[in-house]
Amino acid sequence: MPLRHTKAIVYHKSWRYLLNWLGVEIVGNLEPKPGIPPTSAHLARLLRISRQDKPDFILVAAYQDSKGARWLAQKFGVPVVVLPFTVGGNAQAGDLFALYAQTIALLQQAR
């Protein structure tokens, strides 16, 4: 419940079901199309669009390039949250239960 009504920009729609379950609204995607890294024009468009619906954080997976996310986060003054995405995605996500616990903990810390 503590994440309900927060807003996020995500690199990819990877966490759609989790974020829906947690009540986090996705206000934008860094990828203009699946598998395509964000261009400067796309980042500028996200910046304009999301000023009306400012995100609380920007989500990327540990394996994704966070350069565009960091640039956008600096403009909004919000954190970039690097989520493990899979078991072994970071040191704390050693099994499935730890993956979920770590993911939720990282999201709550960013709040």
PDB file of N, CA and C in Angstrom:
ATOM      1  N   MET A   1       0.794  -1.208   0.000  1.00  0.00           N
ATOM      2  CA  MET A   1       0.000   0.000   0.000  1.00  0.00           C
ATOM      3  C   MET A   1       0.840   1.279   0.000  1.00  0.00           C
ATOM      4  N   PRO A   2       2.065   1.285   0.551  1.00  0.00           N
ATOM      5  CA  PRO A   2       2.796   2.548   0.580  1.00  0.00           C
ATOM      6  C   PRO A   2       3.182   3.074  -0.807  1.00  0.00           C
ATOM      7  N   LEU A   3       3.127   2.236  -1.818  1.00  0.00           N
ATOM      8  CA  LEU A   3       3.491   2.677  -3.165  1.00  0.00           C
ATOM      9  C   LEU A   3       2.288   3.093  -4.006  1.00  0.00           C
ATOM     10  N   ARG A   4       1.086   2.858  -3.466  1.00  0.00           N
ATOM     11  CA  ARG A   4      -0.134   3.198  -4.196  1.00  0.00           C
ATOM     12  C   ARG A   4      -0.139   4.682  -4.531  1.00  0.00           C
ATOM     13  N   HIS A   5      -0.518   4.989  -5.755  1.00  0.00           N
ATOM     14  CA  HIS A   5      -0.622   6.362  -6.276  1.00  0.00           C
ATOM     15  C   HIS A   5       0.725   7.011  -6.557  1.00  0.00           C
ATOM     16  N   THR A   6       1.812   6.243  -6.544  1.00  0.00           N
ATOM     17  CA  THR A   6       3.083   6.796  -6.996  1.00  0.00           C
ATOM     18  C   THR A   6       3.139   6.633  -8.511  1.00  0.00           C
ATOM     19  N   LYS A   7       4.058   7.365  -9.134  1.00  0.00           N
ATOM     20  CA  LYS A   7       4.166   7.352 -10.587  1.00  0.00           C
ATOM     21  C   LYS A   7       5.596   7.014 -10.981  1.00  0.00           C
ATOM     22  N   ALA A   8       5.718   6.292 -12.090  1.00  0.00           N
ATOM     23  CA  ALA A   8       7.043   5.863 -12.536  1.00  0.00           C
ATOM     24  C   ALA A   8       7.175   5.972 -14.042  1.00  0.00           C
ATOM     25  N   ILE A   9       8.390   6.256 -14.469  1.00  0.00           N
ATOM     26  CA  ILE A   9       8.774   6.075 -15.859  1.00  0.00           C
ATOM     27  C   ILE A   9       9.604   4.799 -15.855  1.00  0.00           C
ATOM     28  N   VAL A  10       9.323   3.908 -16.776  1.00  0.00           N
ATOM     29  CA  VAL A  10      10.027   2.632 -16.831  1.00  0.00           C
ATOM     30  C   VAL A  10      10.835   2.547 -18.120  1.00  0.00           C
ATOM     31  N   TYR A  11      11.934   1.815 -18.073  1.00  0.00           N
ATOM     32  CA  TYR A  11      12.732   1.628 -19.281  1.00  0.00           C
ATOM     33  C   TYR A  11      11.944   0.794 -20.282  1.00  0.00           C
ATOM     34  N   HIS A  12      11.343  -0.244 -19.779  1.00  0.00           N
ATOM     35  CA  HIS A  12      10.587  -1.185 -20.599  1.00  0.00           C
ATOM     36  C   HIS A  12       9.376  -1.604 -19.781  1.00  0.00           C
ATOM     37  N   LYS A  13       8.386  -2.162 -20.401  1.00  0.00           N
ATOM     38  CA  LYS A  13       7.159  -2.542 -19.699  1.00  0.00           C
ATOM     39  C   LYS A  13       7.315  -3.823 -18.882  1.00  0.00           C
ATOM     40  N   SER A  14       8.528  -4.140 -18.489  1.00  0.00           N
ATOM     41  CA  SER A  14       8.831  -5.390 -17.799  1.00  0.00           C
ATOM     42  C   SER A  14       8.057  -5.571 -16.499  1.00  0.00           C
ATOM     43  N   TRP A  15       7.806  -4.519 -15.793  1.00  0.00           N
ATOM     44  CA  TRP A  15       7.187  -4.610 -14.469  1.00  0.00           C
ATOM     45  C   TRP A  15       5.724  -4.229 -14.469  1.00  0.00           C
ATOM     46  N   ARG A  16       5.077  -4.270 -15.608  1.00  0.00           N
ATOM     47  CA  ARG A  16       3.682  -3.814 -15.707  1.00  0.00           C
ATOM     48  C   ARG A  16       2.780  -4.490 -14.674  1.00  0.00           C
ATOM     49  N   TYR A  17       2.838  -5.807 -14.551  1.00  0.00           N
ATOM     50  CA  TYR A  17       1.947  -6.514 -13.623  1.00  0.00           C
ATOM     51  C   TYR A  17       2.296  -6.202 -12.174  1.00  0.00           C
ATOM     52  N   LEU A  18       3.577  -6.174 -11.853  1.00  0.00           N
ATOM     53  CA  LEU A  18       3.999  -5.854 -10.491  1.00  0.00           C
ATOM     54  C   LEU A  18       3.571  -4.439 -10.112  1.00  0.00           C
ATOM     55  N   LEU A  19       3.824  -3.488 -10.985  1.00  0.00           N
ATOM     56  CA  LEU A  19       3.473  -2.105 -10.681  1.00  0.00           C
ATOM     57  C   LEU A  19       1.965  -1.923 -10.571  1.00  0.00           C
ATOM     58  N   ASN A  20       1.224  -2.618 -11.412  1.00  0.00           N
ATOM     59  CA  ASN A  20      -0.233  -2.573 -11.311  1.00  0.00           C
ATOM     60  C   ASN A  20      -0.687  -3.111  -9.959  1.00  0.00           C
ATOM     61  N   TRP A  21      -0.116  -4.223  -9.539  1.00  0.00           N
ATOM     62  CA  TRP A  21      -0.452  -4.832  -8.255  1.00  0.00           C
ATOM     63  C   TRP A  21      -0.120  -3.894  -7.093  1.00  0.00           C
ATOM     64  N   LEU A  22       0.996  -3.171  -7.204  1.00  0.00           N
ATOM     65  CA  LEU A  22       1.423  -2.248  -6.151  1.00  0.00           C
ATOM     66  C   LEU A  22       0.704  -0.896  -6.219  1.00  0.00           C
ATOM     67  N   GLY A  23      -0.030  -0.636  -7.299  1.00  0.00           N
ATOM     68  CA  GLY A  23      -0.737   0.627  -7.448  1.00  0.00           C
ATOM     69  C   GLY A  23       0.134   1.755  -7.969  1.00  0.00           C
ATOM     70  N   VAL A  24       1.240   1.410  -8.639  1.00  0.00           N
ATOM     71  CA  VAL A  24       2.147   2.407  -9.212  1.00  0.00           C
ATOM     72  C   VAL A  24       1.701   2.674 -10.649  1.00  0.00           C
ATOM     73  N   GLU A  25       1.515   3.939 -10.985  1.00  0.00           N
ATOM     74  CA  GLU A  25       1.096   4.316 -12.329  1.00  0.00           C
ATOM     75  C   GLU A  25       2.318   4.521 -13.224  1.00  0.00           C
ATOM     76  N   ILE A  26       2.307   3.916 -14.396  1.00  0.00           N
ATOM     77  CA  ILE A  26       3.375   4.120 -15.379  1.00  0.00           C
ATOM     78  C   ILE A  26       2.996   5.333 -16.211  1.00  0.00           C
ATOM     79  N   VAL A  27       3.832   6.377 -16.163  1.00  0.00           N
ATOM     80  CA  VAL A  27       3.541   7.604 -16.901  1.00  0.00           C
ATOM     81  C   VAL A  27       4.375   7.748 -18.172  1.00  0.00           C
ATOM     82  N   GLY A  28       5.294   6.816 -18.409  1.00  0.00           N
ATOM     83  CA  GLY A  28       6.093   6.868 -19.625  1.00  0.00           C
ATOM     84  C   GLY A  28       7.053   5.707 -19.719  1.00  0.00           C
ATOM     85  N   ASN A  29       7.529   5.462 -20.936  1.00  0.00           N
ATOM     86  CA  ASN A  29       8.504   4.405 -21.216  1.00  0.00           C
ATOM     87  C   ASN A  29       9.730   5.021 -21.855  1.00  0.00           C
ATOM     88  N   LEU A  30      10.905   4.667 -21.355  1.00  0.00           N
ATOM     89  CA  LEU A  30      12.139   5.176 -21.940  1.00  0.00           C
ATOM     90  C   LEU A  30      12.374   4.628 -23.343  1.00  0.00           C
ATOM     91  N   GLU A  31      11.973   3.400 -23.583  1.00  0.00           N
ATOM     92  CA  GLU A  31      12.125   2.813 -24.913  1.00  0.00           C
ATOM     93  C   GLU A  31      11.023   3.359 -25.816  1.00  0.00           C
ATOM     94  N   PRO A  32      11.377   3.998 -26.926  1.00  0.00           N
ATOM     95  CA  PRO A  32      10.323   4.443 -27.831  1.00  0.00           C
ATOM     96  C   PRO A  32       9.602   3.251 -28.470  1.00  0.00           C
ATOM     97  N   LYS A  33      10.340   2.175 -28.686  1.00  0.00           N
ATOM     98  CA  LYS A  33       9.804   0.899 -29.171  1.00  0.00           C
ATOM     99  C   LYS A  33      10.611  -0.194 -28.488  1.00  0.00           C
ATOM    100  N   PRO A  34      10.022  -1.360 -28.243  1.00  0.00           N
ATOM    101  CA  PRO A  34      10.762  -2.432 -27.566  1.00  0.00           C
ATOM    102  C   PRO A  34      12.102  -2.719 -28.225  1.00  0.00           C
ATOM    103  N   GLY A  35      13.157  -2.714 -27.400  1.00  0.00           N
ATOM    104  CA  GLY A  35      14.493  -3.025 -27.874  1.00  0.00           C
ATOM    105  C   GLY A  35      15.264  -1.839 -28.435  1.00  0.00           C
ATOM    106  N   ILE A  36      14.603  -0.694 -28.556  1.00  0.00           N
ATOM    107  CA  ILE A  36      15.248   0.509 -29.095  1.00  0.00           C
ATOM    108  C   ILE A  36      15.615   1.428 -27.929  1.00  0.00           C
ATOM    109  N   PRO A  37      16.900   1.757 -27.751  1.00  0.00           N
ATOM    110  CA  PRO A  37      17.284   2.657 -26.656  1.00  0.00           C
ATOM    111  C   PRO A  37      16.688   4.051 -26.868  1.00  0.00           C
ATOM    112  N   PRO A  38      16.487   4.781 -25.790  1.00  0.00           N
ATOM    113  CA  PRO A  38      15.881   6.111 -25.931  1.00  0.00           C
ATOM    114  C   PRO A  38      16.802   7.073 -26.683  1.00  0.00           C
ATOM    115  N   THR A  39      16.207   7.805 -27.611  1.00  0.00           N
ATOM    116  CA  THR A  39      16.953   8.839 -28.339  1.00  0.00           C
ATOM    117  C   THR A  39      16.825  10.149 -27.565  1.00  0.00           C
ATOM    118  N   SER A  40      17.638  11.118 -27.910  1.00  0.00           N
ATOM    119  CA  SER A  40      17.538  12.416 -27.230  1.00  0.00           C
ATOM    120  C   SER A  40      16.187  13.055 -27.515  1.00  0.00           C
ATOM    121  N   ALA A  41      15.653  12.888 -28.725  1.00  0.00           N
ATOM    122  CA  ALA A  41      14.330  13.439 -29.050  1.00  0.00           C
ATOM    123  C   ALA A  41      13.240  12.782 -28.202  1.00  0.00           C
ATOM    124  N   HIS A  42      13.347  11.467 -28.009  1.00  0.00           N
ATOM    125  CA  HIS A  42      12.343  10.763 -27.192  1.00  0.00           C
ATOM    126  C   HIS A  42      12.441  11.199 -25.731  1.00  0.00           C
ATOM    127  N   LEU A  43      13.653  11.358 -25.224  1.00  0.00           N
ATOM    128  CA  LEU A  43      13.825  11.824 -23.840  1.00  0.00           C
ATOM    129  C   LEU A  43      13.251  13.231 -23.663  1.00  0.00           C
ATOM    130  N   ALA A  44      13.468  14.097 -24.634  1.00  0.00           N
ATOM    131  CA  ALA A  44      12.919  15.455 -24.568  1.00  0.00           C
ATOM    132  C   ALA A  44      11.391  15.422 -24.588  1.00  0.00           C
ATOM    133  N   ARG A  45      10.820  14.528 -25.387  1.00  0.00           N
ATOM    134  CA  ARG A  45       9.365  14.369 -25.440  1.00  0.00           C
ATOM    135  C   ARG A  45       8.837  13.878 -24.091  1.00  0.00           C
ATOM    136  N   LEU A  46       9.519  12.898 -23.497  1.00  0.00           N
ATOM    137  CA  LEU A  46       9.121  12.400 -22.172  1.00  0.00           C
ATOM    138  C   LEU A  46       9.187  13.512 -21.132  1.00  0.00           C
ATOM    139  N   LEU A  47      10.203  14.334 -21.220  1.00  0.00           N
ATOM    140  CA  LEU A  47      10.363  15.440 -20.281  1.00  0.00           C
ATOM    141  C   LEU A  47       9.180  16.401 -20.392  1.00  0.00           C
ATOM    142  N   ARG A  48       8.788  16.730 -21.606  1.00  0.00           N
ATOM    143  CA  ARG A  48       7.645  17.637 -21.807  1.00  0.00           C
ATOM    144  C   ARG A  48       6.346  17.005 -21.319  1.00  0.00           C
ATOM    145  N   ILE A  49       6.103  15.784 -21.728  1.00  0.00           N
ATOM    146  CA  ILE A  49       4.848  15.103 -21.382  1.00  0.00           C
ATOM    147  C   ILE A  49       4.747  14.871 -19.883  1.00  0.00           C
ATOM    148  N   SER A  50       5.827  14.437 -19.280  1.00  0.00           N
ATOM    149  CA  SER A  50       5.796  14.031 -17.882  1.00  0.00           C
ATOM    150  C   SER A  50       5.861  15.202 -16.905  1.00  0.00           C
ATOM    151  N   ARG A  51       6.115  16.393 -17.374  1.00  0.00           N
ATOM    152  CA  ARG A  51       6.082  17.549 -16.459  1.00  0.00           C
ATOM    153  C   ARG A  51       4.685  17.715 -15.857  1.00  0.00           C
ATOM    154  N   GLN A  52       3.660  17.353 -16.617  1.00  0.00           N
ATOM    155  CA  GLN A  52       2.285  17.430 -16.124  1.00  0.00           C
ATOM    156  C   GLN A  52       1.981  16.285 -15.155  1.00  0.00           C
ATOM    157  N   ASP A  53       2.655  15.196 -15.323  1.00  0.00           N
ATOM    158  CA  ASP A  53       2.417  13.979 -14.548  1.00  0.00           C
ATOM    159  C   ASP A  53       3.757  13.492 -14.011  1.00  0.00           C
ATOM    160  N   LYS A  54       4.405  14.315 -13.195  1.00  0.00           N
ATOM    161  CA  LYS A  54       5.783  14.066 -12.744  1.00  0.00           C
ATOM    162  C   LYS A  54       5.929  12.697 -12.070  1.00  0.00           C
ATOM    163  N   PRO A  55       6.934  11.946 -12.502  1.00  0.00           N
ATOM    164  CA  PRO A  55       7.160  10.636 -11.878  1.00  0.00           C
ATOM    165  C   PRO A  55       7.799  10.788 -10.496  1.00  0.00           C
ATOM    166  N   ASP A  56       7.621   9.759  -9.684  1.00  0.00           N
ATOM    167  CA  ASP A  56       8.278   9.701  -8.372  1.00  0.00           C
ATOM    168  C   ASP A  56       9.637   9.027  -8.479  1.00  0.00           C
ATOM    169  N   PHE A  57       9.816   8.186  -9.503  1.00  0.00           N
ATOM    170  CA  PHE A  57      11.084   7.509  -9.751  1.00  0.00           C
ATOM    171  C   PHE A  57      11.100   6.977 -11.171  1.00  0.00           C
ATOM    172  N   ILE A  58      12.296   6.595 -11.612  1.00  0.00           N
ATOM    173  CA  ILE A  58      12.487   6.010 -12.936  1.00  0.00           C
ATOM    174  C   ILE A  58      13.095   4.624 -12.723  1.00  0.00           C
ATOM    175  N   LEU A  59      12.505   3.619 -13.361  1.00  0.00           N
ATOM    176  CA  LEU A  59      12.919   2.238 -13.156  1.00  0.00           C
ATOM    177  C   LEU A  59      13.694   1.689 -14.341  1.00  0.00           C
ATOM    178  N   VAL A  60      14.809   1.043 -14.042  1.00  0.00           N
ATOM    179  CA  VAL A  60      15.581   0.320 -15.051  1.00  0.00           C
ATOM    180  C   VAL A  60      15.986  -1.022 -14.444  1.00  0.00           C
ATOM    181  N   ALA A  61      16.209  -1.984 -15.300  1.00  0.00           N
ATOM    182  CA  ALA A  61      16.720  -3.274 -14.841  1.00  0.00           C
ATOM    183  C   ALA A  61      18.238  -3.187 -14.753  1.00  0.00           C
ATOM    184  N   ALA A  62      18.820  -4.050 -13.953  1.00  0.00           N
ATOM    185  CA  ALA A  62      20.267  -4.048 -13.745  1.00  0.00           C
ATOM    186  C   ALA A  62      21.036  -4.219 -15.058  1.00  0.00           C
ATOM    187  N   TYR A  63      20.446  -4.874 -16.038  1.00  0.00           N
ATOM    188  CA  TYR A  63      21.145  -5.127 -17.296  1.00  0.00           C
ATOM    189  C   TYR A  63      20.939  -4.019 -18.343  1.00  0.00           C
ATOM    190  N   GLN A  64      20.078  -3.054 -18.059  1.00  0.00           N
ATOM    191  CA  GLN A  64      19.780  -2.003 -19.036  1.00  0.00           C
ATOM    192  C   GLN A  64      20.698  -0.793 -18.852  1.00  0.00           C
ATOM    193  N   ASP A  65      20.955  -0.086 -19.925  1.00  0.00           N
ATOM    194  CA  ASP A  65      21.764   1.132 -19.883  1.00  0.00           C
ATOM    195  C   ASP A  65      20.950   2.221 -19.194  1.00  0.00           C
ATOM    196  N   SER A  66      21.496   2.787 -18.123  1.00  0.00           N
ATOM    197  CA  SER A  66      20.746   3.771 -17.346  1.00  0.00           C
ATOM    198  C   SER A  66      21.093   5.215 -17.709  1.00  0.00           C
ATOM    199  N   LYS A  67      21.858   5.421 -18.769  1.00  0.00           N
ATOM    200  CA  LYS A  67      22.295   6.769 -19.134  1.00  0.00           C
ATOM    201  C   LYS A  67      21.093   7.714 -19.352  1.00  0.00           C
ATOM    202  N   GLY A  68      20.155   7.329 -20.193  1.00  0.00           N
ATOM    203  CA  GLY A  68      18.970   8.154 -20.443  1.00  0.00           C
ATOM    204  C   GLY A  68      18.126   8.334 -19.194  1.00  0.00           C
ATOM    205  N   ALA A  69      18.008   7.280 -18.403  1.00  0.00           N
ATOM    206  CA  ALA A  69      17.241   7.352 -17.153  1.00  0.00           C
ATOM    207  C   ALA A  69      17.870   8.345 -16.185  1.00  0.00           C
ATOM    208  N   ARG A  70      19.197   8.314 -16.080  1.00  0.00           N
ATOM    209  CA  ARG A  70      19.888   9.249 -15.172  1.00  0.00           C
ATOM    210  C   ARG A  70      19.716  10.698 -15.628  1.00  0.00           C
ATOM    211  N   TRP A  71      19.781  10.933 -16.941  1.00  0.00           N
ATOM    212  CA  TRP A  71      19.591  12.281 -17.469  1.00  0.00           C
ATOM    213  C   TRP A  71      18.187  12.787 -17.145  1.00  0.00           C
ATOM    214  N   LEU A  72      17.192  11.951 -17.406  1.00  0.00           N
ATOM    215  CA  LEU A  72      15.803  12.338 -17.147  1.00  0.00           C
ATOM    216  C   LEU A  72      15.554  12.519 -15.654  1.00  0.00           C
ATOM    217  N   ALA A  73      16.119  11.645 -14.841  1.00  0.00           N
ATOM    218  CA  ALA A  73      15.953  11.734 -13.390  1.00  0.00           C
ATOM    219  C   ALA A  73      16.533  13.033 -12.859  1.00  0.00           C
ATOM    220  N   GLN A  74      17.665  13.449 -13.403  1.00  0.00           N
ATOM    221  CA  GLN A  74      18.269  14.714 -12.976  1.00  0.00           C
ATOM    222  C   GLN A  74      17.339  15.877 -13.306  1.00  0.00           C
ATOM    223  N   LYS A  75      16.714  15.855 -14.461  1.00  0.00           N
ATOM    224  CA  LYS A  75      15.793  16.926 -14.873  1.00  0.00           C
ATOM    225  C   LYS A  75      14.569  16.988 -13.963  1.00  0.00           C
ATOM    226  N   PHE A  76      14.082  15.831 -13.530  1.00  0.00           N
ATOM    227  CA  PHE A  76      12.904  15.774 -12.669  1.00  0.00           C
ATOM    228  C   PHE A  76      13.247  15.877 -11.180  1.00  0.00           C
ATOM    229  N   GLY A  77      14.505  15.609 -10.845  1.00  0.00           N
ATOM    230  CA  GLY A  77      14.884  15.582  -9.437  1.00  0.00           C
ATOM    231  C   GLY A  77      14.327  14.369  -8.715  1.00  0.00           C
ATOM    232  N   VAL A  78      14.319  13.234  -9.417  1.00  0.00           N
ATOM    233  CA  VAL A  78      13.808  11.983  -8.839  1.00  0.00           C
ATOM    234  C   VAL A  78      14.893  10.914  -8.946  1.00  0.00           C
ATOM    235  N   PRO A  79      14.797   9.856  -8.139  1.00  0.00           N
ATOM    236  CA  PRO A  79      15.817   8.798  -8.203  1.00  0.00           C
ATOM    237  C   PRO A  79      15.615   7.830  -9.364  1.00  0.00           C
ATOM    238  N   VAL A  80      16.717   7.241  -9.784  1.00  0.00           N
ATOM    239  CA  VAL A  80      16.686   6.095 -10.697  1.00  0.00           C
ATOM    240  C   VAL A  80      16.781   4.861  -9.806  1.00  0.00           C
ATOM    241  N   VAL A  81      15.853   3.951  -9.969  1.00  0.00           N
ATOM    242  CA  VAL A  81      15.854   2.717  -9.184  1.00  0.00           C
ATOM    243  C   VAL A  81      16.274   1.584 -10.113  1.00  0.00           C
ATOM    244  N   VAL A  82      17.376   0.937  -9.765  1.00  0.00           N
ATOM    245  CA  VAL A  82      17.878  -0.188 -10.557  1.00  0.00           C
ATOM    246  C   VAL A  82      17.375  -1.469  -9.893  1.00  0.00           C
ATOM    247  N   LEU A  83      16.465  -2.141 -10.574  1.00  0.00           N
ATOM    248  CA  LEU A  83      15.863  -3.361 -10.036  1.00  0.00           C
ATOM    249  C   LEU A  83      16.587  -4.595 -10.574  1.00  0.00           C
ATOM    250  N   PRO A  84      16.658  -5.668  -9.777  1.00  0.00           N
ATOM    251  CA  PRO A  84      17.400  -6.857 -10.187  1.00  0.00           C
ATOM    252  C   PRO A  84      16.795  -7.592 -11.378  1.00  0.00           C
ATOM    253  N   PHE A  85      15.507  -7.538 -11.577  1.00  0.00           N
ATOM    254  CA  PHE A  85      14.778  -8.143 -12.677  1.00  0.00           C
ATOM    255  C   PHE A  85      14.694  -9.666 -12.627  1.00  0.00           C
ATOM    256  N   THR A  86      15.724 -10.348 -12.164  1.00  0.00           N
ATOM    257  CA  THR A  86      15.702 -11.803 -12.125  1.00  0.00           C
ATOM    258  C   THR A  86      16.526 -12.296 -10.928  1.00  0.00           C
ATOM    259  N   VAL A  87      16.347 -13.540 -10.574  1.00  0.00           N
ATOM    260  CA  VAL A  87      17.148 -14.129  -9.500  1.00  0.00           C
ATOM    261  C   VAL A  87      18.619 -13.979  -9.880  1.00  0.00           C
ATOM    262  N   GLY A  88      19.411 -13.461  -8.950  1.00  0.00           N
ATOM    263  CA  GLY A  88      20.820 -13.215  -9.213  1.00  0.00           C
ATOM    264  C   GLY A  88      21.084 -11.863  -9.854  1.00  0.00           C
ATOM    265  N   GLY A  89      20.035 -11.071 -10.058  1.00  0.00           N
ATOM    266  CA  GLY A  89      20.180  -9.758 -10.685  1.00  0.00           C
ATOM    267  C   GLY A  89      20.936  -8.758  -9.828  1.00  0.00           C
ATOM    268  N   ASN A  90      21.002  -9.005  -8.528  1.00  0.00           N
ATOM    269  CA  ASN A  90      21.888  -8.268  -7.619  1.00  0.00           C
ATOM    270  C   ASN A  90      22.244  -9.208  -6.469  1.00  0.00           C
ATOM    271  N   ALA A  91      23.103  -8.761  -5.595  1.00  0.00           N
ATOM    272  CA  ALA A  91      23.612  -9.636  -4.535  1.00  0.00           C
ATOM    273  C   ALA A  91      22.521 -10.118  -3.581  1.00  0.00           C
ATOM    274  N   GLN A  92      21.472  -9.327  -3.395  1.00  0.00           N
ATOM    275  CA  GLN A  92      20.413  -9.693  -2.443  1.00  0.00           C
ATOM    276  C   GLN A  92      19.341 -10.591  -3.054  1.00  0.00           C
ATOM    277  N   ALA A  93      19.243 -10.672  -4.366  1.00  0.00           N
ATOM    278  CA  ALA A  93      18.184 -11.435  -5.029  1.00  0.00           C
ATOM    279  C   ALA A  93      18.651 -12.857  -5.331  1.00  0.00           C
ATOM    280  N   GLY A  94      18.957 -13.621  -4.289  1.00  0.00           N
ATOM    281  CA  GLY A  94      19.517 -14.953  -4.446  1.00  0.00           C
ATOM    282  C   GLY A  94      18.522 -16.042  -4.776  1.00  0.00           C
ATOM    283  N   ASP A  95      17.248 -15.826  -4.482  1.00  0.00           N
ATOM    284  CA  ASP A  95      16.207 -16.785  -4.839  1.00  0.00           C
ATOM    285  C   ASP A  95      14.946 -15.999  -5.171  1.00  0.00           C
ATOM    286  N   LEU A  96      13.889 -16.693  -5.552  1.00  0.00           N
ATOM    287  CA  LEU A  96      12.674 -16.019  -6.002  1.00  0.00           C
ATOM    288  C   LEU A  96      12.056 -15.141  -4.913  1.00  0.00           C
ATOM    289  N   PHE A  97      12.018 -15.643  -3.688  1.00  0.00           N
ATOM    290  CA  PHE A  97      11.437 -14.857  -2.595  1.00  0.00           C
ATOM    291  C   PHE A  97      12.270 -13.603  -2.320  1.00  0.00           C
ATOM    292  N   ALA A  98      13.582 -13.758  -2.360  1.00  0.00           N
ATOM    293  CA  ALA A  98      14.476 -12.621  -2.144  1.00  0.00           C
ATOM    294  C   ALA A  98      14.371 -11.618  -3.298  1.00  0.00           C
ATOM    295  N   LEU A  99      14.160 -12.102  -4.510  1.00  0.00           N
ATOM    296  CA  LEU A  99      13.979 -11.213  -5.661  1.00  0.00           C
ATOM    297  C   LEU A  99      12.788 -10.293  -5.432  1.00  0.00           C
ATOM    298  N   TYR A 100      11.653 -10.866  -5.044  1.00  0.00           N
ATOM    299  CA  TYR A 100      10.462 -10.043  -4.809  1.00  0.00           C
ATOM    300  C   TYR A 100      10.662  -9.107  -3.619  1.00  0.00           C
ATOM    301  N   ALA A 101      11.230  -9.620  -2.553  1.00  0.00           N
ATOM    302  CA  ALA A 101      11.466  -8.785  -1.374  1.00  0.00           C
ATOM    303  C   ALA A 101      12.413  -7.632  -1.706  1.00  0.00           C
ATOM    304  N   GLN A 102      13.476  -7.913  -2.453  1.00  0.00           N
ATOM    305  CA  GLN A 102      14.446  -6.890  -2.836  1.00  0.00           C
ATOM    306  C   GLN A 102      13.818  -5.854  -3.758  1.00  0.00           C
ATOM    307  N   THR A 103      13.032  -6.301  -4.721  1.00  0.00           N
ATOM    308  CA  THR A 103      12.373  -5.382  -5.657  1.00  0.00           C
ATOM    309  C   THR A 103      11.456  -4.421  -4.913  1.00  0.00           C
ATOM    310  N   ILE A 104      10.631  -4.954  -4.037  1.00  0.00           N
ATOM    311  CA  ILE A 104       9.699  -4.093  -3.288  1.00  0.00           C
ATOM    312  C   ILE A 104      10.466  -3.180  -2.350  1.00  0.00           C
ATOM    313  N   ALA A 105      11.506  -3.673  -1.704  1.00  0.00           N
ATOM    314  CA  ALA A 105      12.307  -2.836  -0.801  1.00  0.00           C
ATOM    315  C   ALA A 105      12.954  -1.681  -1.564  1.00  0.00           C
ATOM    316  N   LEU A 106      13.495  -1.943  -2.742  1.00  0.00           N
ATOM    317  CA  LEU A 106      14.116  -0.872  -3.541  1.00  0.00           C
ATOM    318  C   LEU A 106      13.098   0.178  -3.942  1.00  0.00           C
ATOM    319  N   LEU A 107      11.898  -0.265  -4.307  1.00  0.00           N
ATOM    320  CA  LEU A 107      10.844   0.687  -4.668  1.00  0.00           C
ATOM    321  C   LEU A 107      10.420   1.539  -3.462  1.00  0.00           C
ATOM    322  N   GLN A 108      10.283   0.901  -2.307  1.00  0.00           N
ATOM    323  CA  GLN A 108       9.889   1.638  -1.108  1.00  0.00           C
ATOM    324  C   GLN A 108      10.978   2.623  -0.672  1.00  0.00           C
ATOM    325  N   GLN A 109      12.231   2.253  -0.811  1.00  0.00           N
ATOM    326  CA  GLN A 109      13.329   3.162  -0.450  1.00  0.00           C
ATOM    327  C   GLN A 109      13.329   4.391  -1.339  1.00  0.00           C
ATOM    328  N   ALA A 110      12.948   4.236  -2.590  1.00  0.00           N
ATOM    329  CA  ALA A 110      12.948   5.360  -3.532  1.00  0.00           C
ATOM    330  C   ALA A 110      11.827   6.338  -3.234  1.00  0.00           C
ATOM    331  N   ARG A 111      10.815   5.879  -2.601  1.00  0.00           N
ATOM    332  CA  ARG A 111       9.632   6.704  -2.278  1.00  0.00           C
ATOM    333  C   ARG A 111      10.070   7.750  -1.325  1.00  0.00           C
TER     334      ARG A 111
END
